[in-house]
Every structure is written in C-alpha cells, then in structure tokens.
C-alpha atoms as a PDB file:
ATOM      1  CA  MET A   1      84.317  62.253   3.717  1.00  0.00           C
ATOM      2  CA  PRO A   2      82.905  62.641   0.215  1.00  0.00           C
ATOM      3  CA  ARG A   3      79.438  61.557  -0.572  1.00  0.00           C
ATOM      4  CA  LYS A   4      80.539  58.526  -2.705  1.00  0.00           C
ATOM      5  CA  GLU A   5      82.663  57.054   0.344  1.00  0.00           C
ATOM      6  CA  ALA A   6      79.731  57.973   2.712  1.00  0.00           C
ATOM      7  CA  VAL A   7      77.159  55.958   0.135  1.00  0.00           C
ATOM      8  CA  GLN A   8      79.939  52.865   0.342  1.00  0.00           C
ATOM      9  CA  VAL A   9      79.904  52.911   4.041  1.00  0.00           C
ATOM     10  CA  VAL A  10      76.217  52.815   4.443  1.00  0.00           C
ATOM     11  CA  SER A  11      75.915  50.326   1.669  1.00  0.00           C
ATOM     12  CA  ARG A  12      78.337  47.939   3.310  1.00  0.00           C
ATOM     13  CA  ALA A  13      76.582  48.576   6.663  1.00  0.00           C
ATOM     14  CA  LEU A  14      73.382  47.426   5.025  1.00  0.00           C
ATOM     15  CA  ALA A  15      74.761  44.548   3.521  1.00  0.00           C
ATOM     16  CA  LEU A  16      76.073  43.136   6.762  1.00  0.00           C
ATOM     17  CA  LEU A  17      72.879  43.855   8.311  1.00  0.00           C
ATOM     18  CA  MET A  18      71.507  41.858   5.630  1.00  0.00           C
ATOM     19  CA  ILE A  19      73.906  38.846   5.928  1.00  0.00           C
ATOM     20  CA  VAL A  20      73.361  38.707   9.714  1.00  0.00           C
ATOM     21  CA  TRP A  21      69.664  38.405   8.777  1.00  0.00           C
ATOM     22  CA  VAL A  22      70.207  35.740   6.352  1.00  0.00           C
ATOM     23  CA  LEU A  23      72.419  33.826   9.199  1.00  0.00           C
ATOM     24  CA  VAL A  24      69.388  34.068  11.489  1.00  0.00           C
ATOM     25  CA  GLU A  25      66.976  32.649   8.896  1.00  0.00           C
ATOM     26  CA  ILE A  26      69.118  29.909   8.210  1.00  0.00           C
ATOM     27  CA  THR A  27      69.312  29.036  11.913  1.00  0.00           C
ATOM     28  CA  GLN A  28      65.563  28.726  11.697  1.00  0.00           C
ATOM     29  CA  LEU A  29      65.510  26.541   8.868  1.00  0.00           C
ATOM     30  CA  PRO A  30      65.931  23.142  10.591  1.00  0.00           C
ATOM     31  CA  GLN A  31      62.936  23.872  12.673  1.00  0.00           C
ATOM     32  CA  VAL A  32      60.854  24.310   9.671  1.00  0.00           C
ATOM     33  CA  VAL A  33      62.227  21.221   7.970  1.00  0.00           C
ATOM     34  CA  LEU A  34      61.745  19.136  11.025  1.00  0.00           C
ATOM     35  CA  SER A  35      58.126  20.235  11.556  1.00  0.00           C
ATOM     36  CA  LEU A  36      57.341  19.426   8.051  1.00  0.00           C
ATOM     37  CA  ALA A  37      58.870  16.007   8.316  1.00  0.00           C
ATOM     38  CA  HIS A  38      57.064  15.340  11.371  1.00  0.00           C
ATOM     39  CA  HIS A  39      53.751  16.378   9.745  1.00  0.00           C
ATOM     40  CA  LEU A  40      54.455  14.428   6.664  1.00  0.00           C
ATOM     41  CA  HIS A  41      54.975  11.239   8.617  1.00  0.00           C
ATOM     42  CA  LEU A  42      51.822  11.722  11.165  1.00  0.00           C
ATOM     43  CA  ASN A  43      48.929   9.664  10.483  1.00  0.00           C
ATOM     44  CA  SER A  44      45.873  10.636  12.404  1.00  0.00           C
ATOM     45  CA  VAL A  45      42.034  10.382  11.452  1.00  0.00           C
ATOM     46  CA  LEU A  46      41.412  13.082  13.848  1.00  0.00           C
ATOM     47  CA  ILE A  47      43.810  15.794  12.498  1.00  0.00           C
ATOM     48  CA  PRO A  48      43.506  17.141   8.909  1.00  0.00           C
ATOM     49  CA  GLN A  49      47.119  16.609   7.583  1.00  0.00           C
ATOM     50  CA  ARG A  50      46.734  18.548   4.518  1.00  0.00           C
ATOM     51  CA  TYR A  51      46.499  21.757   6.321  1.00  0.00           C
ATOM     52  CA  TRP A  52      49.780  21.549   8.423  1.00  0.00           C
ATOM     53  CA  THR A  53      51.642  19.895   5.499  1.00  0.00           C
ATOM     54  CA  ILE A  54      50.646  22.725   3.186  1.00  0.00           C
ATOM     55  CA  TYR A  55      51.524  25.252   6.041  1.00  0.00           C
ATOM     56  CA  TYR A  56      55.038  23.987   6.678  1.00  0.00           C
ATOM     57  CA  VAL A  57      55.792  23.791   2.933  1.00  0.00           C
ATOM     58  CA  ALA A  58      54.656  27.480   2.698  1.00  0.00           C
ATOM     59  CA  GLY A  59      56.949  28.143   5.656  1.00  0.00           C
ATOM     60  CA  LEU A  60      59.877  26.416   4.002  1.00  0.00           C
ATOM     61  CA  SER A  61      59.430  27.895   0.748  1.00  0.00           C
ATOM     62  CA  THR A  62      59.089  31.586   2.188  1.00  0.00           C
ATOM     63  CA  HIS A  63      62.400  30.988   4.207  1.00  0.00           C
ATOM     64  CA  THR A  64      64.091  29.613   1.167  1.00  0.00           C
ATOM     65  CA  VAL A  65      62.996  32.593  -1.028  1.00  0.00           C
ATOM     66  CA  ARG A  66      63.864  35.070   2.011  1.00  0.00           C
ATOM     67  CA  ILE A  67      67.203  33.566   2.320  1.00  0.00           C
ATOM     68  CA  MET A  68      67.902  33.828  -1.499  1.00  0.00           C
ATOM     69  CA  GLY A  69      66.495  37.551  -1.723  1.00  0.00           C
ATOM     70  CA  LEU A  70      68.356  38.792   1.265  1.00  0.00           C
ATOM     71  CA  SER A  71      71.673  37.106  -0.032  1.00  0.00           C
ATOM     72  CA  LEU A  72      71.123  38.786  -3.618  1.00  0.00           C
ATOM     73  CA  ALA A  73      70.378  42.221  -2.048  1.00  0.00           C
ATOM     74  CA  ALA A  74      73.396  41.874   0.381  1.00  0.00           C
ATOM     75  CA  ALA A  75      75.537  41.099  -2.601  1.00  0.00           C
ATOM     76  CA  TRP A  76      74.402  44.122  -4.562  1.00  0.00           C
ATOM     77  CA  PHE A  77      74.616  46.407  -1.524  1.00  0.00           C
ATOM     78  CA  TRP A  78      78.264  45.149  -1.084  1.00  0.00           C
ATOM     79  CA  LYS A  79      79.514  45.868  -4.482  1.00  0.00           C
ATOM     80  CA  CYS A  80      78.123  49.451  -4.274  1.00  0.00           C
ATOM     81  CA  GLY A  81      77.779  49.819  -8.031  1.00  0.00           C
ATOM     82  CA  PRO A  82      76.088  52.782  -9.951  1.00  0.00           C
ATOM     83  CA  GLY A  83      72.683  51.231  -9.154  1.00  0.00           C
ATOM     84  CA  VAL A  84      73.238  51.594  -5.396  1.00  0.00           C
ATOM     85  CA  GLU A  85      74.609  55.065  -5.751  1.00  0.00           C
ATOM     86  CA  ALA A  86      71.617  55.993  -7.827  1.00  0.00           C
ATOM     87  CA  ALA A  87      69.288  54.536  -5.027  1.00  0.00           C
ATOM     88  CA  PHE A  88      70.874  56.739  -2.457  1.00  0.00           C
ATOM     89  CA  GLY A  89      70.568  59.708  -4.699  1.00  0.00           C
ATOM     90  CA  VAL A  90      74.320  60.086  -5.646  1.00  0.00           C
ATOM     91  CA  GLY A  91      74.684  60.275  -9.254  1.00  0.00           C
ATOM     92  CA  PRO A  92      77.678  60.675 -11.647  1.00  0.00           C
ATOM     93  CA  ALA A  93      79.584  63.781 -11.356  1.00  0.00           C
ATOM     94  CA  ALA A  94      78.210  66.267 -13.570  1.00  0.00           C
ATOM     95  CA  PRO A  95      81.046  68.084 -15.921  1.00  0.00           C
ATOM     96  CA  PRO A  96      82.012  71.516 -14.836  1.00  0.00           C
ATOM     97  CA  ALA A  97      80.080  74.340 -16.524  1.00  0.00           C
ATOM     98  CA  VAL A  98      81.998  76.162 -19.113  1.00  0.00           C
END
C-alpha cells in the first residue's frame, strides 16, 4: 500500500473516531440543557443561583464548541487533502533527479 493510501486510511479512521466522539457529546447535551433549565427556574434564598447558572452555561457552551470543533476536524480529516498529508509527513512527490 503506498504511503498516500495509508495516510488516507489513517485519516478516515481518525475522522470516524471524531464522528463517534461527536455523537457521544450530542447524547450528553440534553443532560446539560435540562440541568441549566432546572437551575434557571429554581428559586431559593439559601443556594446562590448565580454560581450554578454560570456553571451550566459554561458546560453548555463548552459542549457546543467541542461538537463544532470535532465536526470540523472530522470533515478536514475525511477529505484528506494536502493539509492532512502534510500533517502526517507525506508531501508532494518530488520530481526525479536528472
């Protein structure tokens, strides 16, 4: 198997790993959303609501950024363009020496 095909196989395998990771993150998203909704509607004198609200907003935003970043990285690896080949150390073929 030539190096270029090997890079494509490894690149696609990494893309599939990232797609599965995105799916796992998406399954955890409802928990964060429901927890945020719960703490937004909870009124108590004893519990500082600002802390928990900020905590779950930060969790929701990191989940969202992680999902978007992994999706973009998976698309980049799946295409296996010159950037991916350069990242794996496979450059364009050099012309033969005369």
